[in-house]
Amino acid sequence: MAGALCLLPVCVAAQVSVEVSPLRVEVSGGPGESHTQAITLTNQGPDPVRIRATIDDWHLSKDGTPQFTPAPPGTWTSAVDWIRLAPPEQVIEPGKQGVVRFTLTVPAGTQEGGYRASVMFEFGAADADPVARGRQVTLRSRVATVVYATVGQPPVAVDLTNLVVRAEAGRPPQAIATLHNTGRVHVRTKGLLTIYDQSGTVVRQVDLPSAPVLPESERDVAIPTGGDEDPPLAAGTYRVEVKIDVGLRALLVGETVLTVVR
């Protein structure tokens, strides 16, 4: 996965575009093991760019929006202290690539579970003084590579606690599946949404998005009831069924009703 951005504070004078790849890293192992990963930074803009790398915590809000904020003291899922990176700062010329390597070492005695951190990249003018000017006006925009570290083989424990349909003007309705992860490891969703008419005939099937659900958290997963190329459903009442695979022996299954009014 890769990500590119335009730095809004400097786009008026010159467009700055940096691609970061990958945007997600997943590692697994046991206590005492180390993993090293390279992240590539490509300067696609016309000017040199100064890039600073730091390690941060992160979590997901209930709707799945990433939140890059320090974890409260004692948060067991934080892997921030496990990571060392190099170099912490560099200047990349136009059309060139830079590499940041990080090494994650799982401390001895760590319990089984899913831990996380992020490598945060901040971008600024190449001529900024990294010592004297620090994080002032020169470093504004940020892109993160999120890191999942699974220690051992913790069991999956996830429940589907609610399923509703939400409609917004100008968009196809969405099925909102609420998943409650009571386990110590993150999961990713896959599966199928099926829409039946009143006669029981299948009128549409949609693949579920691959959405992470973090350990000991609740997540609303939005599932579209149609794609951009699908015609609108005719007026009527439909049965909506979701089958969600999160790695359990059995699928999570839920049903709700969709009413279309024209």
C-alpha atoms as a PDB file:
ATOM      1  CA  MET A   1       0.000   0.000   0.000  1.00  0.00           C
ATOM      2  CA  ALA A   2       1.178   3.520  -0.710  1.00  0.00           C
ATOM      3  CA  GLY A   3       0.015   7.006   0.113  1.00  0.00           C
ATOM      4  CA  ALA A   4       0.692  10.379  -1.507  1.00  0.00           C
ATOM      5  CA  LEU A   5      -0.167  13.838  -0.327  1.00  0.00           C
ATOM      6  CA  CYS A   6      -0.025  17.501  -1.208  1.00  0.00           C
ATOM      7  CA  LEU A   7       1.131  19.725   1.620  1.00  0.00           C
ATOM      8  CA  LEU A   8      -1.574  22.377   1.880  1.00  0.00           C
ATOM      9  CA  PRO A   9       0.528  25.104   3.560  1.00  0.00           C
ATOM     10  CA  VAL A  10       3.015  25.161   0.669  1.00  0.00           C
ATOM     11  CA  CYS A  11       0.912  24.184  -2.345  1.00  0.00           C
ATOM     12  CA  VAL A  12       0.395  27.807  -3.360  1.00  0.00           C
ATOM     13  CA  ALA A  13       4.105  28.317  -3.933  1.00  0.00           C
ATOM     14  CA  ALA A  14       4.997  24.815  -5.103  1.00  0.00           C
ATOM     15  CA  GLN A  15       3.300  21.478  -5.025  1.00  0.00           C
ATOM     16  CA  VAL A  16       4.866  18.962  -2.638  1.00  0.00           C
ATOM     17  CA  SER A  17       3.976  15.317  -3.110  1.00  0.00           C
ATOM     18  CA  VAL A  18       5.450  12.411  -1.164  1.00  0.00           C
ATOM     19  CA  GLU A  19       4.475   8.750  -1.516  1.00  0.00           C
ATOM     20  CA  VAL A  20       4.850   6.505   1.534  1.00  0.00           C
ATOM     21  CA  SER A  21       4.893   2.721   1.096  1.00  0.00           C
ATOM     22  CA  PRO A  22       3.742   0.571   2.782  1.00  0.00           C
ATOM     23  CA  LEU A  23       1.035   2.229   4.856  1.00  0.00           C
ATOM     24  CA  ARG A  24       0.468  -0.907   6.940  1.00  0.00           C
ATOM     25  CA  VAL A  25       2.891  -3.438   8.373  1.00  0.00           C
ATOM     26  CA  GLU A  26       1.832  -6.607  10.193  1.00  0.00           C
ATOM     27  CA  VAL A  27       4.370  -8.759  12.044  1.00  0.00           C
ATOM     28  CA  SER A  28       4.007 -11.737  14.330  1.00  0.00           C
ATOM     29  CA  GLY A  29       6.302 -13.636  16.644  1.00  0.00           C
ATOM     30  CA  GLY A  30       7.162 -14.366  20.226  1.00  0.00           C
ATOM     31  CA  PRO A  31       8.811 -12.553  23.127  1.00  0.00           C
ATOM     32  CA  GLY A  32      12.421 -11.628  22.427  1.00  0.00           C
ATOM     33  CA  GLU A  33      12.032 -11.703  18.640  1.00  0.00           C
ATOM     34  CA  SER A  34      12.953  -8.749  16.417  1.00  0.00           C
ATOM     35  CA  HIS A  35      11.571  -7.705  13.036  1.00  0.00           C
ATOM     36  CA  THR A  36      13.059  -5.091  10.701  1.00  0.00           C
ATOM     37  CA  GLN A  37      10.985  -3.349   8.019  1.00  0.00           C
ATOM     38  CA  ALA A  38      11.883  -0.765   5.374  1.00  0.00           C
ATOM     39  CA  ILE A  39       9.507   2.068   4.472  1.00  0.00           C
ATOM     40  CA  THR A  40      10.081   3.824   1.156  1.00  0.00           C
ATOM     41  CA  LEU A  41       9.519   7.565   0.740  1.00  0.00           C
ATOM     42  CA  THR A  42       9.311   8.895  -2.816  1.00  0.00           C
ATOM     43  CA  ASN A  43       9.481  12.630  -3.505  1.00  0.00           C
ATOM     44  CA  GLN A  44       7.179  13.136  -6.485  1.00  0.00           C
ATOM     45  CA  GLY A  45       7.257  16.933  -6.274  1.00  0.00           C
ATOM     46  CA  PRO A  46       9.555  19.522  -7.891  1.00  0.00           C
ATOM     47  CA  ASP A  47      11.395  20.572  -4.715  1.00  0.00           C
ATOM     48  CA  PRO A  48      13.502  18.913  -2.030  1.00  0.00           C
ATOM     49  CA  VAL A  49      11.516  17.827   1.041  1.00  0.00           C
ATOM     50  CA  ARG A  50      12.640  17.395   4.633  1.00  0.00           C
ATOM     51  CA  ILE A  51      11.047  14.347   6.264  1.00  0.00           C
ATOM     52  CA  ARG A  52      11.042  13.617   9.989  1.00  0.00           C
ATOM     53  CA  ALA A  53      10.070  10.195  11.352  1.00  0.00           C
ATOM     54  CA  THR A  54       8.735   9.566  14.861  1.00  0.00           C
ATOM     55  CA  ILE A  55       6.965   6.742  16.697  1.00  0.00           C
ATOM     56  CA  ASP A  56       3.404   7.327  17.894  1.00  0.00           C
ATOM     57  CA  ASP A  57       0.448   5.493  19.388  1.00  0.00           C
ATOM     58  CA  TRP A  58      -2.847   5.197  17.560  1.00  0.00           C
ATOM     59  CA  HIS A  59      -6.297   3.713  17.881  1.00  0.00           C
ATOM     60  CA  LEU A  60      -9.551   3.652  15.920  1.00  0.00           C
ATOM     61  CA  SER A  61     -12.706   5.523  16.793  1.00  0.00           C
ATOM     62  CA  LYS A  62     -15.914   3.505  16.729  1.00  0.00           C
ATOM     63  CA  ASP A  63     -16.527   4.476  13.091  1.00  0.00           C
ATOM     64  CA  GLY A  64     -13.035   3.337  12.114  1.00  0.00           C
ATOM     65  CA  THR A  65     -11.302   6.733  11.883  1.00  0.00           C
ATOM     66  CA  PRO A  66      -7.609   6.519  12.906  1.00  0.00           C
ATOM     67  CA  GLN A  67      -6.708   8.626  15.941  1.00  0.00           C
ATOM     68  CA  PHE A  68      -3.023   9.364  16.464  1.00  0.00           C
ATOM     69  CA  THR A  69      -2.858  10.301  20.131  1.00  0.00           C
ATOM     70  CA  PRO A  70      -0.651   9.158  23.025  1.00  0.00           C
ATOM     71  CA  ALA A  71      -1.975   6.071  24.756  1.00  0.00           C
ATOM     72  CA  PRO A  72      -2.993   6.519  28.401  1.00  0.00           C
ATOM     73  CA  PRO A  73      -0.402   5.214  30.889  1.00  0.00           C
ATOM     74  CA  GLY A  74      -0.661   1.483  31.331  1.00  0.00           C
ATOM     75  CA  THR A  75      -2.324   0.805  27.951  1.00  0.00           C
ATOM     76  CA  TRP A  76      -1.213  -2.749  27.268  1.00  0.00           C
ATOM     77  CA  THR A  77      -1.630  -2.576  23.473  1.00  0.00           C
ATOM     78  CA  SER A  78       1.049   0.107  22.944  1.00  0.00           C
ATOM     79  CA  ALA A  79       4.202  -1.038  21.137  1.00  0.00           C
ATOM     80  CA  VAL A  80       5.760   2.432  20.918  1.00  0.00           C
ATOM     81  CA  ASP A  81       8.650   1.534  23.222  1.00  0.00           C
ATOM     82  CA  TRP A  82       9.440  -1.572  21.178  1.00  0.00           C
ATOM     83  CA  ILE A  83      10.483   0.324  18.030  1.00  0.00           C
ATOM     84  CA  ARG A  84      13.744   1.951  16.984  1.00  0.00           C
ATOM     85  CA  LEU A  85      14.050   3.711  13.623  1.00  0.00           C
ATOM     86  CA  ALA A  86      16.751   5.215  11.425  1.00  0.00           C
ATOM     87  CA  PRO A  87      17.257   7.779  10.131  1.00  0.00           C
ATOM     88  CA  PRO A  88      14.935  10.032  12.137  1.00  0.00           C
ATOM     89  CA  GLU A  89      15.304  12.861   9.626  1.00  0.00           C
ATOM     90  CA  GLN A  90      16.432  13.244   6.029  1.00  0.00           C
ATOM     91  CA  VAL A  91      16.106  15.439   2.932  1.00  0.00           C
ATOM     92  CA  ILE A  92      14.917  13.794  -0.280  1.00  0.00           C
ATOM     93  CA  GLU A  93      15.599  15.454  -3.627  1.00  0.00           C
ATOM     94  CA  PRO A  94      12.922  15.672  -6.371  1.00  0.00           C
ATOM     95  CA  GLY A  95      12.307  12.351  -8.072  1.00  0.00           C
ATOM     96  CA  LYS A  96      14.410  10.478  -5.532  1.00  0.00           C
ATOM     97  CA  GLN A  97      13.626   7.933  -2.860  1.00  0.00           C
ATOM     98  CA  GLY A  98      14.549   7.714   0.784  1.00  0.00           C
ATOM     99  CA  VAL A  99      14.243   4.777   3.133  1.00  0.00           C
ATOM    100  CA  VAL A 100      13.425   4.641   6.831  1.00  0.00           C
ATOM    101  CA  ARG A 101      14.039   1.337   8.569  1.00  0.00           C
ATOM    102  CA  PHE A 102      12.499   0.397  11.860  1.00  0.00           C
ATOM    103  CA  THR A 103      13.213  -2.551  14.114  1.00  0.00           C
ATOM    104  CA  LEU A 104      10.506  -3.861  16.437  1.00  0.00           C
ATOM    105  CA  THR A 105      11.703  -6.017  19.331  1.00  0.00           C
ATOM    106  CA  VAL A 106       9.133  -7.795  21.479  1.00  0.00           C
ATOM    107  CA  PRO A 107      10.196  -7.587  25.133  1.00  0.00           C
ATOM    108  CA  ALA A 108      10.780 -10.803  27.040  1.00  0.00           C
ATOM    109  CA  GLY A 109       7.765 -11.845  29.078  1.00  0.00           C
ATOM    110  CA  THR A 110       5.219 -10.109  26.837  1.00  0.00           C
ATOM    111  CA  GLN A 111       1.799 -11.742  27.022  1.00  0.00           C
ATOM    112  CA  GLU A 112       0.032 -13.034  23.941  1.00  0.00           C
ATOM    113  CA  GLY A 113      -1.974 -10.329  22.195  1.00  0.00           C
ATOM    114  CA  GLY A 114      -2.207  -7.740  19.458  1.00  0.00           C
ATOM    115  CA  TYR A 115      -0.045  -4.666  19.944  1.00  0.00           C
ATOM    116  CA  ARG A 116       0.331  -1.576  17.790  1.00  0.00           C
ATOM    117  CA  ALA A 117       2.268   1.603  17.049  1.00  0.00           C
ATOM    118  CA  SER A 118       2.830   3.861  14.049  1.00  0.00           C
ATOM    119  CA  VAL A 119       5.748   5.411  12.221  1.00  0.00           C
ATOM    120  CA  MET A 120       4.686   9.007  11.661  1.00  0.00           C
ATOM    121  CA  PHE A 121       6.225  11.064   8.859  1.00  0.00           C
ATOM    122  CA  GLU A 122       6.134  14.862   8.918  1.00  0.00           C
ATOM    123  CA  PHE A 123       7.043  16.890   5.837  1.00  0.00           C
ATOM    124  CA  GLY A 124       8.525  20.351   5.474  1.00  0.00           C
ATOM    125  CA  ALA A 125      10.876  22.635   3.576  1.00  0.00           C
ATOM    126  CA  ALA A 126      14.335  21.224   2.947  1.00  0.00           C
ATOM    127  CA  ASP A 127      16.071  24.346   4.264  1.00  0.00           C
ATOM    128  CA  ALA A 128      14.332  24.179   7.665  1.00  0.00           C
ATOM    129  CA  ASP A 129      16.773  24.011  10.583  1.00  0.00           C
ATOM    130  CA  PRO A 130      15.837  20.699  12.259  1.00  0.00           C
ATOM    131  CA  VAL A 131      17.310  21.765  15.596  1.00  0.00           C
ATOM    132  CA  ALA A 132      16.504  25.443  15.955  1.00  0.00           C
ATOM    133  CA  ARG A 133      13.109  25.472  14.259  1.00  0.00           C
ATOM    134  CA  GLY A 134      11.921  22.012  15.253  1.00  0.00           C
ATOM    135  CA  ARG A 135       8.185  21.473  14.830  1.00  0.00           C
ATOM    136  CA  GLN A 136       7.165  25.040  14.138  1.00  0.00           C
ATOM    137  CA  VAL A 137       5.770  26.299  10.842  1.00  0.00           C
ATOM    138  CA  THR A 138       8.066  24.163   8.694  1.00  0.00           C
ATOM    139  CA  LEU A 139       6.633  20.715   9.470  1.00  0.00           C
ATOM    140  CA  ARG A 140       2.878  20.564   8.917  1.00  0.00           C
ATOM    141  CA  SER A 141       1.451  17.552   7.115  1.00  0.00           C
ATOM    142  CA  ARG A 142       1.685  13.971   8.332  1.00  0.00           C
ATOM    143  CA  VAL A 143       1.335  10.471   6.939  1.00  0.00           C
ATOM    144  CA  ALA A 144       1.586   7.335   9.066  1.00  0.00           C
ATOM    145  CA  THR A 145       2.549   3.734   8.497  1.00  0.00           C
ATOM    146  CA  VAL A 146       0.593   1.748  11.072  1.00  0.00           C
ATOM    147  CA  VAL A 147       2.215  -1.267  12.676  1.00  0.00           C
ATOM    148  CA  TYR A 148       0.373  -4.322  14.022  1.00  0.00           C
ATOM    149  CA  ALA A 149       2.426  -6.739  16.125  1.00  0.00           C
ATOM    150  CA  THR A 150       0.808 -10.041  17.095  1.00  0.00           C
ATOM    151  CA  VAL A 151       2.566 -11.891  19.891  1.00  0.00           C
ATOM    152  CA  GLY A 152       1.844 -15.607  20.108  1.00  0.00           C
ATOM    153  CA  GLN A 153      -1.480 -17.008  18.928  1.00  0.00           C
ATOM    154  CA  PRO A 154      -4.174 -15.317  21.009  1.00  0.00           C
ATOM    155  CA  PRO A 155      -7.685 -16.682  20.410  1.00  0.00           C
ATOM    156  CA  VAL A 156     -10.237 -14.652  18.456  1.00  0.00           C
ATOM    157  CA  ALA A 157     -13.327 -13.525  20.395  1.00  0.00           C
ATOM    158  CA  VAL A 158     -15.714 -11.280  18.446  1.00  0.00           C
ATOM    159  CA  ASP A 159     -19.498 -10.848  18.560  1.00  0.00           C
ATOM    160  CA  LEU A 160     -21.912  -9.189  16.147  1.00  0.00           C
ATOM    161  CA  THR A 161     -23.984  -7.090  18.549  1.00  0.00           C
ATOM    162  CA  ASN A 162     -26.107  -4.982  16.189  1.00  0.00           C
ATOM    163  CA  LEU A 163     -27.065  -4.599  12.532  1.00  0.00           C
ATOM    164  CA  VAL A 164     -29.029  -1.628  11.207  1.00  0.00           C
ATOM    165  CA  VAL A 165     -29.540   0.164   7.911  1.00  0.00           C
ATOM    166  CA  ARG A 166     -28.533   3.803   7.620  1.00  0.00           C
ATOM    167  CA  ALA A 167     -29.586   5.999   4.715  1.00  0.00           C
ATOM    168  CA  GLU A 168     -27.966   9.290   3.691  1.00  0.00           C
ATOM    169  CA  ALA A 169     -29.187  11.640   0.978  1.00  0.00           C
ATOM    170  CA  GLY A 170     -27.536  11.040  -2.377  1.00  0.00           C
ATOM    171  CA  ARG A 171     -25.929   7.731  -1.400  1.00  0.00           C
ATOM    172  CA  PRO A 172     -27.032   4.097  -1.407  1.00  0.00           C
ATOM    173  CA  PRO A 173     -28.114   2.892   2.053  1.00  0.00           C
ATOM    174  CA  GLN A 174     -25.464   1.248   4.216  1.00  0.00           C
ATOM    175  CA  ALA A 175     -25.741  -1.665   6.594  1.00  0.00           C
ATOM    176  CA  ILE A 176     -23.922  -0.857   9.839  1.00  0.00           C
ATOM    177  CA  ALA A 177     -22.604  -3.950  11.599  1.00  0.00           C
ATOM    178  CA  THR A 178     -21.423  -3.377  15.165  1.00  0.00           C
ATOM    179  CA  LEU A 179     -18.660  -5.785  16.156  1.00  0.00           C
ATOM    180  CA  HIS A 180     -17.479  -6.193  19.742  1.00  0.00           C
ATOM    181  CA  ASN A 181     -13.979  -7.613  20.010  1.00  0.00           C
ATOM    182  CA  THR A 182     -13.462  -8.992  23.507  1.00  0.00           C
ATOM    183  CA  GLY A 183     -10.242 -10.772  22.573  1.00  0.00           C
ATOM    184  CA  ARG A 184      -6.626  -9.658  22.759  1.00  0.00           C
ATOM    185  CA  VAL A 185      -5.912  -9.644  19.033  1.00  0.00           C
ATOM    186  CA  HIS A 186      -7.160  -7.547  16.117  1.00  0.00           C
ATOM    187  CA  VAL A 187      -9.227  -9.125  13.345  1.00  0.00           C
ATOM    188  CA  ARG A 188     -10.139  -8.141   9.803  1.00  0.00           C
ATOM    189  CA  THR A 189     -13.560  -8.566   8.310  1.00  0.00           C
ATOM    190  CA  LYS A 190     -14.502 -10.361   5.137  1.00  0.00           C
ATOM    191  CA  GLY A 191     -17.736 -11.891   3.999  1.00  0.00           C
ATOM    192  CA  LEU A 192     -20.902 -11.146   2.082  1.00  0.00           C
ATOM    193  CA  LEU A 193     -23.991  -8.965   2.281  1.00  0.00           C
ATOM    194  CA  THR A 194     -27.047 -10.405   0.539  1.00  0.00           C
ATOM    195  CA  ILE A 195     -30.285  -8.555  -0.218  1.00  0.00           C
ATOM    196  CA  TYR A 196     -33.510 -10.558  -0.710  1.00  0.00           C
ATOM    197  CA  ASP A 197     -36.832  -9.280  -1.994  1.00  0.00           C
ATOM    198  CA  GLN A 198     -40.148 -10.227  -0.385  1.00  0.00           C
ATOM    199  CA  SER A 199     -40.350 -13.443  -2.394  1.00  0.00           C
ATOM    200  CA  GLY A 200     -36.958 -14.567  -1.052  1.00  0.00           C
ATOM    201  CA  THR A 201     -35.141 -13.978  -4.344  1.00  0.00           C
ATOM    202  CA  VAL A 202     -31.585 -12.678  -4.162  1.00  0.00           C
ATOM    203  CA  VAL A 203     -31.494  -9.244  -5.791  1.00  0.00           C
ATOM    204  CA  ARG A 204     -27.956  -8.201  -4.891  1.00  0.00           C
ATOM    205  CA  GLN A 205     -24.772  -9.396  -3.208  1.00  0.00           C
ATOM    206  CA  VAL A 206     -21.938  -7.183  -2.016  1.00  0.00           C
ATOM    207  CA  ASP A 207     -18.528  -8.173  -0.637  1.00  0.00           C
ATOM    208  CA  LEU A 208     -17.779  -6.842   2.828  1.00  0.00           C
ATOM    209  CA  PRO A 209     -14.909  -4.376   3.228  1.00  0.00           C
ATOM    210  CA  SER A 210     -11.717  -5.504   4.918  1.00  0.00           C
ATOM    211  CA  ALA A 211     -12.021  -3.521   8.145  1.00  0.00           C
ATOM    212  CA  PRO A 212      -9.807  -3.928  11.224  1.00  0.00           C
ATOM    213  CA  VAL A 213     -11.403  -4.384  14.641  1.00  0.00           C
ATOM    214  CA  LEU A 214      -8.854  -3.719  17.388  1.00  0.00           C
ATOM    215  CA  PRO A 215      -8.503  -5.777  20.584  1.00  0.00           C
ATOM    216  CA  GLU A 216     -10.954  -5.038  23.380  1.00  0.00           C
ATOM    217  CA  SER A 217     -12.868  -2.502  21.283  1.00  0.00           C
ATOM    218  CA  GLU A 218     -16.176  -1.939  19.510  1.00  0.00           C
ATOM    219  CA  ARG A 219     -16.329  -1.029  15.832  1.00  0.00           C
ATOM    220  CA  ASP A 220     -19.087  -0.020  13.432  1.00  0.00           C
ATOM    221  CA  VAL A 221     -18.357  -1.488  10.002  1.00  0.00           C
ATOM    222  CA  ALA A 222     -20.195   0.301   7.187  1.00  0.00           C
ATOM    223  CA  ILE A 223     -21.241  -2.070   4.397  1.00  0.00           C
ATOM    224  CA  PRO A 224     -22.637  -0.525   1.197  1.00  0.00           C
ATOM    225  CA  THR A 225     -25.823  -2.042  -0.184  1.00  0.00           C
ATOM    226  CA  GLY A 226     -24.730  -1.227  -3.716  1.00  0.00           C
ATOM    227  CA  GLY A 227     -21.823   0.040  -5.772  1.00  0.00           C
ATOM    228  CA  ASP A 228     -21.574   3.113  -7.973  1.00  0.00           C
ATOM    229  CA  GLU A 229     -22.574   1.084 -11.030  1.00  0.00           C
ATOM    230  CA  ASP A 230     -25.482  -0.752  -9.413  1.00  0.00           C
ATOM    231  CA  PRO A 231     -28.964   0.552 -10.281  1.00  0.00           C
ATOM    232  CA  PRO A 232     -31.075   1.848  -7.374  1.00  0.00           C
ATOM    233  CA  LEU A 233     -33.265  -0.732  -5.690  1.00  0.00           C
ATOM    234  CA  ALA A 234     -36.939  -0.539  -6.564  1.00  0.00           C
ATOM    235  CA  ALA A 235     -39.345   0.690  -3.918  1.00  0.00           C
ATOM    236  CA  GLY A 236     -40.207  -2.032  -1.446  1.00  0.00           C
ATOM    237  CA  THR A 237     -39.098  -3.911   1.632  1.00  0.00           C
ATOM    238  CA  TYR A 238     -36.018  -6.130   1.556  1.00  0.00           C
ATOM    239  CA  ARG A 239     -34.324  -8.538   3.914  1.00  0.00           C
ATOM    240  CA  VAL A 240     -30.631  -7.832   4.398  1.00  0.00           C
ATOM    241  CA  GLU A 241     -28.354 -10.622   5.582  1.00  0.00           C
ATOM    242  CA  VAL A 242     -24.674 -10.331   6.444  1.00  0.00           C
ATOM    243  CA  LYS A 243     -22.237 -13.179   6.952  1.00  0.00           C
ATOM    244  CA  ILE A 244     -18.964 -12.006   8.477  1.00  0.00           C
ATOM    245  CA  ASP A 245     -15.760 -14.018   8.693  1.00  0.00           C
ATOM    246  CA  VAL A 246     -13.334 -12.805  11.400  1.00  0.00           C
ATOM    247  CA  GLY A 247     -11.417 -16.037  11.838  1.00  0.00           C
ATOM    248  CA  LEU A 248     -13.811 -17.882  14.125  1.00  0.00           C
ATOM    249  CA  ARG A 249     -14.948 -21.417  13.379  1.00  0.00           C
ATOM    250  CA  ALA A 250     -18.432 -20.115  12.570  1.00  0.00           C
ATOM    251  CA  LEU A 251     -19.464 -17.049  10.625  1.00  0.00           C
ATOM    252  CA  LEU A 252     -21.127 -14.137  12.372  1.00  0.00           C
ATOM    253  CA  VAL A 253     -24.610 -13.856  10.849  1.00  0.00           C
ATOM    254  CA  GLY A 254     -27.127 -11.052  11.182  1.00  0.00           C
ATOM    255  CA  GLU A 255     -30.321  -9.857   9.501  1.00  0.00           C
ATOM    256  CA  THR A 256     -32.146  -6.562   9.235  1.00  0.00           C
ATOM    257  CA  VAL A 257     -34.772  -4.875   7.073  1.00  0.00           C
ATOM    258  CA  LEU A 258     -34.230  -2.319   4.318  1.00  0.00           C
ATOM    259  CA  THR A 259     -37.191  -0.225   3.177  1.00  0.00           C
ATOM    260  CA  VAL A 260     -36.830   1.730  -0.058  1.00  0.00           C
ATOM    261  CA  VAL A 261     -39.273   4.579  -0.691  1.00  0.00           C
ATOM    262  CA  ARG A 262     -39.487   6.413  -4.008  1.00  0.00           C
END
